[in-house]
Amino acid sequence: MTNKNNTVIYIGVTSDLLKRVCQHKTKTYKGFTSKYNCDKLVYFEEFSDINKAIIREKQLKSGNRKRKENLINSENS
């Protein structure tokens, strides 16, 4: 997720993407995404195993911003 100016990148895991995006858009929970107005979904991956999803989340979070931007742009061009 990102904000309207694409200056912040948020990475997370959920079992219900539509519900979670709605929560971000309505700022249901106070935290990083509400503080930085991250309410635009720009990339997602689906997994059938939550453990694999968490491993991928950690992998993405450990990468630098340029790698994250390249991944987002490769899927949205």
PDB file of N, CA and C in Angstrom:
ATOM      1  N   MET A   1       0.858  -1.161   0.000  1.00  0.00           N
ATOM      2  CA  MET A   1       0.000   0.000   0.000  1.00  0.00           C
ATOM      3  C   MET A   1       0.901   1.219   0.000  1.00  0.00           C
ATOM      4  N   THR A   2       0.348   2.304  -0.527  1.00  0.00           N
ATOM      5  CA  THR A   2       1.080   3.557  -0.537  1.00  0.00           C
ATOM      6  C   THR A   2       0.105   4.709  -0.328  1.00  0.00           C
ATOM      7  N   ASN A   3       0.641   5.912  -0.283  1.00  0.00           N
ATOM      8  CA  ASN A   3      -0.206   7.092  -0.144  1.00  0.00           C
ATOM      9  C   ASN A   3      -0.434   7.725  -1.514  1.00  0.00           C
ATOM     10  N   LYS A   4      -1.178   8.813  -1.573  1.00  0.00           N
ATOM     11  CA  LYS A   4      -1.545   9.387  -2.872  1.00  0.00           C
ATOM     12  C   LYS A   4      -0.343   9.890  -3.656  1.00  0.00           C
ATOM     13  N   ASN A   5       0.735  10.254  -2.979  1.00  0.00           N
ATOM     14  CA  ASN A   5       1.932  10.735  -3.670  1.00  0.00           C
ATOM     15  C   ASN A   5       2.983   9.649  -3.893  1.00  0.00           C
ATOM     16  N   ASN A   6       2.664   8.417  -3.505  1.00  0.00           N
ATOM     17  CA  ASN A   6       3.570   7.273  -3.657  1.00  0.00           C
ATOM     18  C   ASN A   6       4.909   7.488  -2.943  1.00  0.00           C
ATOM     19  N   THR A   7       4.884   8.170  -1.812  1.00  0.00           N
ATOM     20  CA  THR A   7       6.119   8.444  -1.081  1.00  0.00           C
ATOM     21  C   THR A   7       6.382   7.445   0.038  1.00  0.00           C
ATOM     22  N   VAL A   8       5.388   6.650   0.392  1.00  0.00           N
ATOM     23  CA  VAL A   8       5.511   5.680   1.481  1.00  0.00           C
ATOM     24  C   VAL A   8       5.091   4.314   0.951  1.00  0.00           C
ATOM     25  N   ILE A   9       5.804   3.271   1.359  1.00  0.00           N
ATOM     26  CA  ILE A   9       5.423   1.902   0.990  1.00  0.00           C
ATOM     27  C   ILE A   9       5.167   1.122   2.275  1.00  0.00           C
ATOM     28  N   TYR A  10       3.986   0.504   2.349  1.00  0.00           N
ATOM     29  CA  TYR A  10       3.615  -0.336   3.488  1.00  0.00           C
ATOM     30  C   TYR A  10       3.437  -1.765   2.985  1.00  0.00           C
ATOM     31  N   ILE A  11       3.987  -2.712   3.708  1.00  0.00           N
ATOM     32  CA  ILE A  11       3.858  -4.131   3.364  1.00  0.00           C
ATOM     33  C   ILE A  11       3.253  -4.858   4.551  1.00  0.00           C
ATOM     34  N   GLY A  12       2.246  -5.682   4.302  1.00  0.00           N
ATOM     35  CA  GLY A  12       1.608  -6.433   5.367  1.00  0.00           C
ATOM     36  C   GLY A  12       1.018  -7.737   4.858  1.00  0.00           C
ATOM     37  N   VAL A  13       0.490  -8.520   5.774  1.00  0.00           N
ATOM     38  CA  VAL A  13      -0.127  -9.812   5.473  1.00  0.00           C
ATOM     39  C   VAL A  13      -1.549  -9.803   6.004  1.00  0.00           C
ATOM     40  N   THR A  14      -2.463 -10.382   5.242  1.00  0.00           N
ATOM     41  CA  THR A  14      -3.852 -10.505   5.689  1.00  0.00           C
ATOM     42  C   THR A  14      -4.475 -11.755   5.083  1.00  0.00           C
ATOM     43  N   SER A  15      -5.521 -12.236   5.707  1.00  0.00           N
ATOM     44  CA  SER A  15      -6.261 -13.370   5.153  1.00  0.00           C
ATOM     45  C   SER A  15      -7.489 -12.889   4.374  1.00  0.00           C
ATOM     46  N   ASP A  16      -7.765 -11.593   4.407  1.00  0.00           N
ATOM     47  CA  ASP A  16      -8.925 -11.027   3.712  1.00  0.00           C
ATOM     48  C   ASP A  16      -8.541  -9.669   3.119  1.00  0.00           C
ATOM     49  N   LEU A  17      -8.058  -9.690   1.887  1.00  0.00           N
ATOM     50  CA  LEU A  17      -7.515  -8.486   1.266  1.00  0.00           C
ATOM     51  C   LEU A  17      -8.542  -7.368   1.132  1.00  0.00           C
ATOM     52  N   LEU A  18      -9.725  -7.673   0.650  1.00  0.00           N
ATOM     53  CA  LEU A  18     -10.739  -6.622   0.473  1.00  0.00           C
ATOM     54  C   LEU A  18     -11.090  -5.947   1.797  1.00  0.00           C
ATOM     55  N   LYS A  19     -11.274  -6.748   2.824  1.00  0.00           N
ATOM     56  CA  LYS A  19     -11.590  -6.199   4.144  1.00  0.00           C
ATOM     57  C   LYS A  19     -10.449  -5.327   4.655  1.00  0.00           C
ATOM     58  N   ARG A  20      -9.212  -5.796   4.481  1.00  0.00           N
ATOM     59  CA  ARG A  20      -8.057  -5.051   4.989  1.00  0.00           C
ATOM     60  C   ARG A  20      -7.866  -3.740   4.239  1.00  0.00           C
ATOM     61  N   VAL A  21      -8.052  -3.745   2.928  1.00  0.00           N
ATOM     62  CA  VAL A  21      -7.942  -2.505   2.157  1.00  0.00           C
ATOM     63  C   VAL A  21      -8.994  -1.506   2.637  1.00  0.00           C
ATOM     64  N   CYS A  22     -10.196  -1.985   2.868  1.00  0.00           N
ATOM     65  CA  CYS A  22     -11.261  -1.120   3.393  1.00  0.00           C
ATOM     66  C   CYS A  22     -10.857  -0.536   4.745  1.00  0.00           C
ATOM     67  N   GLN A  23     -10.258  -1.338   5.600  1.00  0.00           N
ATOM     68  CA  GLN A  23      -9.810  -0.858   6.902  1.00  0.00           C
ATOM     69  C   GLN A  23      -8.749   0.232   6.758  1.00  0.00           C
ATOM     70  N   HIS A  24      -7.856   0.067   5.801  1.00  0.00           N
ATOM     71  CA  HIS A  24      -6.837   1.092   5.563  1.00  0.00           C
ATOM     72  C   HIS A  24      -7.486   2.381   5.043  1.00  0.00           C
ATOM     73  N   LYS A  25      -8.418   2.244   4.109  1.00  0.00           N
ATOM     74  CA  LYS A  25      -9.068   3.416   3.520  1.00  0.00           C
ATOM     75  C   LYS A  25      -9.882   4.203   4.544  1.00  0.00           C
ATOM     76  N   THR A  26     -10.484   3.502   5.490  1.00  0.00           N
ATOM     77  CA  THR A  26     -11.316   4.166   6.501  1.00  0.00           C
ATOM     78  C   THR A  26     -10.542   4.453   7.789  1.00  0.00           C
ATOM     79  N   LYS A  27      -9.254   4.108   7.796  1.00  0.00           N
ATOM     80  CA  LYS A  27      -8.389   4.325   8.966  1.00  0.00           C
ATOM     81  C   LYS A  27      -8.994   3.717  10.237  1.00  0.00           C
ATOM     82  N   THR A  28      -9.476   2.487  10.090  1.00  0.00           N
ATOM     83  CA  THR A  28     -10.100   1.773  11.195  1.00  0.00           C
ATOM     84  C   THR A  28      -9.163   1.643  12.388  1.00  0.00           C
ATOM     85  N   TYR A  29      -7.904   1.364  12.113  1.00  0.00           N
ATOM     86  CA  TYR A  29      -6.917   1.184  13.179  1.00  0.00           C
ATOM     87  C   TYR A  29      -5.868   2.273  13.088  1.00  0.00           C
ATOM     88  N   LYS A  30      -5.493   2.824  14.225  1.00  0.00           N
ATOM     89  CA  LYS A  30      -4.438   3.827  14.261  1.00  0.00           C
ATOM     90  C   LYS A  30      -3.097   3.105  14.184  1.00  0.00           C
ATOM     91  N   GLY A  31      -2.259   3.557  13.323  1.00  0.00           N
ATOM     92  CA  GLY A  31      -0.956   2.930  13.149  1.00  0.00           C
ATOM     93  C   GLY A  31      -0.250   3.542  11.956  1.00  0.00           C
ATOM     94  N   PHE A  32       0.690   2.809  11.408  1.00  0.00           N
ATOM     95  CA  PHE A  32       1.523   3.298  10.310  1.00  0.00           C
ATOM     96  C   PHE A  32       0.704   3.776   9.128  1.00  0.00           C
ATOM     97  N   THR A  33      -0.235   2.941   8.671  1.00  0.00           N
ATOM     98  CA  THR A  33      -0.979   3.306   7.460  1.00  0.00           C
ATOM     99  C   THR A  33      -1.888   4.505   7.663  1.00  0.00           C
ATOM    100  N   SER A  34      -2.472   4.638   8.836  1.00  0.00           N
ATOM    101  CA  SER A  34      -3.322   5.815   9.078  1.00  0.00           C
ATOM    102  C   SER A  34      -2.454   7.063   9.262  1.00  0.00           C
ATOM    103  N   LYS A  35      -1.324   6.925   9.925  1.00  0.00           N
ATOM    104  CA  LYS A  35      -0.418   8.056  10.143  1.00  0.00           C
ATOM    105  C   LYS A  35       0.114   8.617   8.826  1.00  0.00           C
ATOM    106  N   TYR A  36       0.456   7.723   7.901  1.00  0.00           N
ATOM    107  CA  TYR A  36       1.050   8.135   6.633  1.00  0.00           C
ATOM    108  C   TYR A  36       0.063   8.091   5.456  1.00  0.00           C
ATOM    109  N   ASN A  37      -1.218   7.938   5.767  1.00  0.00           N
ATOM    110  CA  ASN A  37      -2.284   7.951   4.760  1.00  0.00           C
ATOM    111  C   ASN A  37      -2.076   6.937   3.635  1.00  0.00           C
ATOM    112  N   CYS A  38      -1.669   5.744   4.005  1.00  0.00           N
ATOM    113  CA  CYS A  38      -1.498   4.665   3.029  1.00  0.00           C
ATOM    114  C   CYS A  38      -2.845   3.995   2.807  1.00  0.00           C
ATOM    115  N   ASP A  39      -3.462   4.317   1.692  1.00  0.00           N
ATOM    116  CA  ASP A  39      -4.784   3.746   1.413  1.00  0.00           C
ATOM    117  C   ASP A  39      -4.946   3.330  -0.044  1.00  0.00           C
ATOM    118  N   LYS A  40      -3.831   3.232  -0.753  1.00  0.00           N
ATOM    119  CA  LYS A  40      -3.880   2.849  -2.168  1.00  0.00           C
ATOM    120  C   LYS A  40      -3.129   1.533  -2.358  1.00  0.00           C
ATOM    121  N   LEU A  41      -3.861   0.504  -2.777  1.00  0.00           N
ATOM    122  CA  LEU A  41      -3.241  -0.798  -3.024  1.00  0.00           C
ATOM    123  C   LEU A  41      -2.523  -0.749  -4.367  1.00  0.00           C
ATOM    124  N   VAL A  42      -1.228  -1.055  -4.359  1.00  0.00           N
ATOM    125  CA  VAL A  42      -0.448  -1.000  -5.594  1.00  0.00           C
ATOM    126  C   VAL A  42       0.125  -2.358  -5.986  1.00  0.00           C
ATOM    127  N   TYR A  43       0.074  -3.323  -5.077  1.00  0.00           N
ATOM    128  CA  TYR A  43       0.650  -4.636  -5.375  1.00  0.00           C
ATOM    129  C   TYR A  43       0.171  -5.640  -4.340  1.00  0.00           C
ATOM    130  N   PHE A  44      -0.071  -6.871  -4.774  1.00  0.00           N
ATOM    131  CA  PHE A  44      -0.361  -7.942  -3.823  1.00  0.00           C
ATOM    132  C   PHE A  44       0.029  -9.276  -4.419  1.00  0.00           C
ATOM    133  N   GLU A  45       0.255 -10.235  -3.548  1.00  0.00           N
ATOM    134  CA  GLU A  45       0.522 -11.615  -3.921  1.00  0.00           C
ATOM    135  C   GLU A  45      -0.407 -12.495  -3.108  1.00  0.00           C
ATOM    136  N   GLU A  46      -0.809 -13.621  -3.679  1.00  0.00           N
ATOM    137  CA  GLU A  46      -1.684 -14.561  -2.971  1.00  0.00           C
ATOM    138  C   GLU A  46      -0.923 -15.830  -2.615  1.00  0.00           C
ATOM    139  N   PHE A  47      -1.201 -16.346  -1.423  1.00  0.00           N
ATOM    140  CA  PHE A  47      -0.586 -17.579  -0.940  1.00  0.00           C
ATOM    141  C   PHE A  47      -1.670 -18.448  -0.308  1.00  0.00           C
ATOM    142  N   SER A  48      -1.539 -19.752  -0.457  1.00  0.00           N
ATOM    143  CA  SER A  48      -2.468 -20.665   0.203  1.00  0.00           C
ATOM    144  C   SER A  48      -1.968 -21.054   1.592  1.00  0.00           C
ATOM    145  N   ASP A  49      -0.710 -20.755   1.878  1.00  0.00           N
ATOM    146  CA  ASP A  49      -0.093 -21.096   3.163  1.00  0.00           C
ATOM    147  C   ASP A  49       0.359 -19.804   3.851  1.00  0.00           C
ATOM    148  N   ILE A  50      -0.204 -19.501   5.028  1.00  0.00           N
ATOM    149  CA  ILE A  50       0.111 -18.270   5.750  1.00  0.00           C
ATOM    150  C   ILE A  50       1.586 -18.182   6.094  1.00  0.00           C
ATOM    151  N   ASN A  51       2.216 -19.312   6.385  1.00  0.00           N
ATOM    152  CA  ASN A  51       3.637 -19.301   6.727  1.00  0.00           C
ATOM    153  C   ASN A  51       4.493 -18.843   5.549  1.00  0.00           C
ATOM    154  N   LYS A  52       4.127 -19.276   4.348  1.00  0.00           N
ATOM    155  CA  LYS A  52       4.844 -18.828   3.148  1.00  0.00           C
ATOM    156  C   LYS A  52       4.593 -17.342   2.901  1.00  0.00           C
ATOM    157  N   ALA A  53       3.393 -16.892   3.197  1.00  0.00           N
ATOM    158  CA  ALA A  53       3.069 -15.468   3.046  1.00  0.00           C
ATOM    159  C   ALA A  53       3.915 -14.620   3.991  1.00  0.00           C
ATOM    160  N   ILE A  54       4.078 -15.080   5.209  1.00  0.00           N
ATOM    161  CA  ILE A  54       4.873 -14.343   6.200  1.00  0.00           C
ATOM    162  C   ILE A  54       6.347 -14.317   5.799  1.00  0.00           C
ATOM    163  N   ILE A  55       6.839 -15.418   5.284  1.00  0.00           N
ATOM    164  CA  ILE A  55       8.224 -15.464   4.801  1.00  0.00           C
ATOM    165  C   ILE A  55       8.411 -14.451   3.670  1.00  0.00           C
ATOM    166  N   ARG A  56       7.452 -14.405   2.747  1.00  0.00           N
ATOM    167  CA  ARG A  56       7.534 -13.457   1.632  1.00  0.00           C
ATOM    168  C   ARG A  56       7.434 -12.015   2.132  1.00  0.00           C
ATOM    169  N   GLU A  57       6.572 -11.760   3.106  1.00  0.00           N
ATOM    170  CA  GLU A  57       6.447 -10.418   3.680  1.00  0.00           C
ATOM    171  C   GLU A  57       7.795  -9.966   4.247  1.00  0.00           C
ATOM    172  N   LYS A  58       8.450 -10.824   5.000  1.00  0.00           N
ATOM    173  CA  LYS A  58       9.744 -10.482   5.585  1.00  0.00           C
ATOM    174  C   LYS A  58      10.792 -10.245   4.506  1.00  0.00           C
ATOM    175  N   GLN A  59      10.731 -11.055   3.458  1.00  0.00           N
ATOM    176  CA  GLN A  59      11.667 -10.889   2.341  1.00  0.00           C
ATOM    177  C   GLN A  59      11.472  -9.525   1.681  1.00  0.00           C
ATOM    178  N   LEU A  60      10.224  -9.163   1.434  1.00  0.00           N
ATOM    179  CA  LEU A  60       9.943  -7.876   0.810  1.00  0.00           C
ATOM    180  C   LEU A  60      10.338  -6.712   1.714  1.00  0.00           C
ATOM    181  N   LYS A  61      10.040  -6.821   2.993  1.00  0.00           N
ATOM    182  CA  LYS A  61      10.367  -5.753   3.936  1.00  0.00           C
ATOM    183  C   LYS A  61      11.875  -5.545   4.061  1.00  0.00           C
ATOM    184  N   SER A  62      12.648  -6.608   3.889  1.00  0.00           N
ATOM    185  CA  SER A  62      14.100  -6.489   4.022  1.00  0.00           C
ATOM    186  C   SER A  62      14.748  -5.870   2.790  1.00  0.00           C
ATOM    187  N   GLY A  63      14.020  -5.809   1.690  1.00  0.00           N
ATOM    188  CA  GLY A  63      14.568  -5.237   0.460  1.00  0.00           C
ATOM    189  C   GLY A  63      14.600  -3.720   0.507  1.00  0.00           C
ATOM    190  N   ASN A  64      15.412  -3.139  -0.350  1.00  0.00           N
ATOM    191  CA  ASN A  64      15.472  -1.681  -0.384  1.00  0.00           C
ATOM    192  C   ASN A  64      14.303  -1.110  -1.189  1.00  0.00           C
ATOM    193  N   ARG A  65      14.123   0.173  -1.096  1.00  0.00           N
ATOM    194  CA  ARG A  65      12.985   0.838  -1.742  1.00  0.00           C
ATOM    195  C   ARG A  65      12.987   0.631  -3.259  1.00  0.00           C
ATOM    196  N   LYS A  66      14.147   0.703  -3.883  1.00  0.00           N
ATOM    197  CA  LYS A  66      14.241   0.559  -5.342  1.00  0.00           C
ATOM    198  C   LYS A  66      13.720  -0.813  -5.779  1.00  0.00           C
ATOM    199  N   ARG A  67      14.083  -1.863  -5.049  1.00  0.00           N
ATOM    200  CA  ARG A  67      13.591  -3.214  -5.373  1.00  0.00           C
ATOM    201  C   ARG A  67      12.073  -3.278  -5.265  1.00  0.00           C
ATOM    202  N   LYS A  68      11.531  -2.647  -4.219  1.00  0.00           N
ATOM    203  CA  LYS A  68      10.082  -2.633  -4.022  1.00  0.00           C
ATOM    204  C   LYS A  68       9.404  -1.874  -5.161  1.00  0.00           C
ATOM    205  N   GLU A  69       9.955  -0.729  -5.526  1.00  0.00           N
ATOM    206  CA  GLU A  69       9.386   0.056  -6.625  1.00  0.00           C
ATOM    207  C   GLU A  69       9.437  -0.714  -7.934  1.00  0.00           C
ATOM    208  N   ASN A  70      10.551  -1.401  -8.197  1.00  0.00           N
ATOM    209  CA  ASN A  70      10.668  -2.197  -9.420  1.00  0.00           C
ATOM    210  C   ASN A  70       9.627  -3.309  -9.465  1.00  0.00           C
ATOM    211  N   LEU A  71       9.400  -3.958  -8.343  1.00  0.00           N
ATOM    212  CA  LEU A  71       8.385  -5.020  -8.277  1.00  0.00           C
ATOM    213  C   LEU A  71       6.996  -4.452  -8.547  1.00  0.00           C
ATOM    214  N   ILE A  72       6.679  -3.357  -7.901  1.00  0.00           N
ATOM    215  CA  ILE A  72       5.372  -2.698  -8.102  1.00  0.00           C
ATOM    216  C   ILE A  72       5.211  -2.289  -9.561  1.00  0.00           C
ATOM    217  N   ASN A  73       6.215  -1.640 -10.105  1.00  0.00           N
ATOM    218  CA  ASN A  73       6.145  -1.142 -11.487  1.00  0.00           C
ATOM    219  C   ASN A  73       6.084  -2.274 -12.509  1.00  0.00           C
ATOM    220  N   SER A  74       6.725  -3.407 -12.217  1.00  0.00           N
ATOM    221  CA  SER A  74       6.699  -4.534 -13.163  1.00  0.00           C
ATOM    222  C   SER A  74       5.296  -5.110 -13.312  1.00  0.00           C
ATOM    223  N   GLU A  75       4.498  -5.003 -12.273  1.00  0.00           N
ATOM    224  CA  GLU A  75       3.134  -5.534 -12.305  1.00  0.00           C
ATOM    225  C   GLU A  75       2.108  -4.486 -12.734  1.00  0.00           C
ATOM    226  N   ASN A  76       2.471  -3.221 -12.711  1.00  0.00           N
ATOM    227  CA  ASN A  76       1.517  -2.162 -12.981  1.00  0.00           C
ATOM    228  C   ASN A  76       1.855  -1.332 -14.220  1.00  0.00           C
ATOM    229  N   SER A  77       2.662  -1.882 -15.102  1.00  0.00           N
ATOM    230  CA  SER A  77       3.017  -1.097 -16.292  1.00  0.00           C
ATOM    231  C   SER A  77       2.153  -1.442 -17.478  1.00  0.00           C
TER     232      SER A  77
END
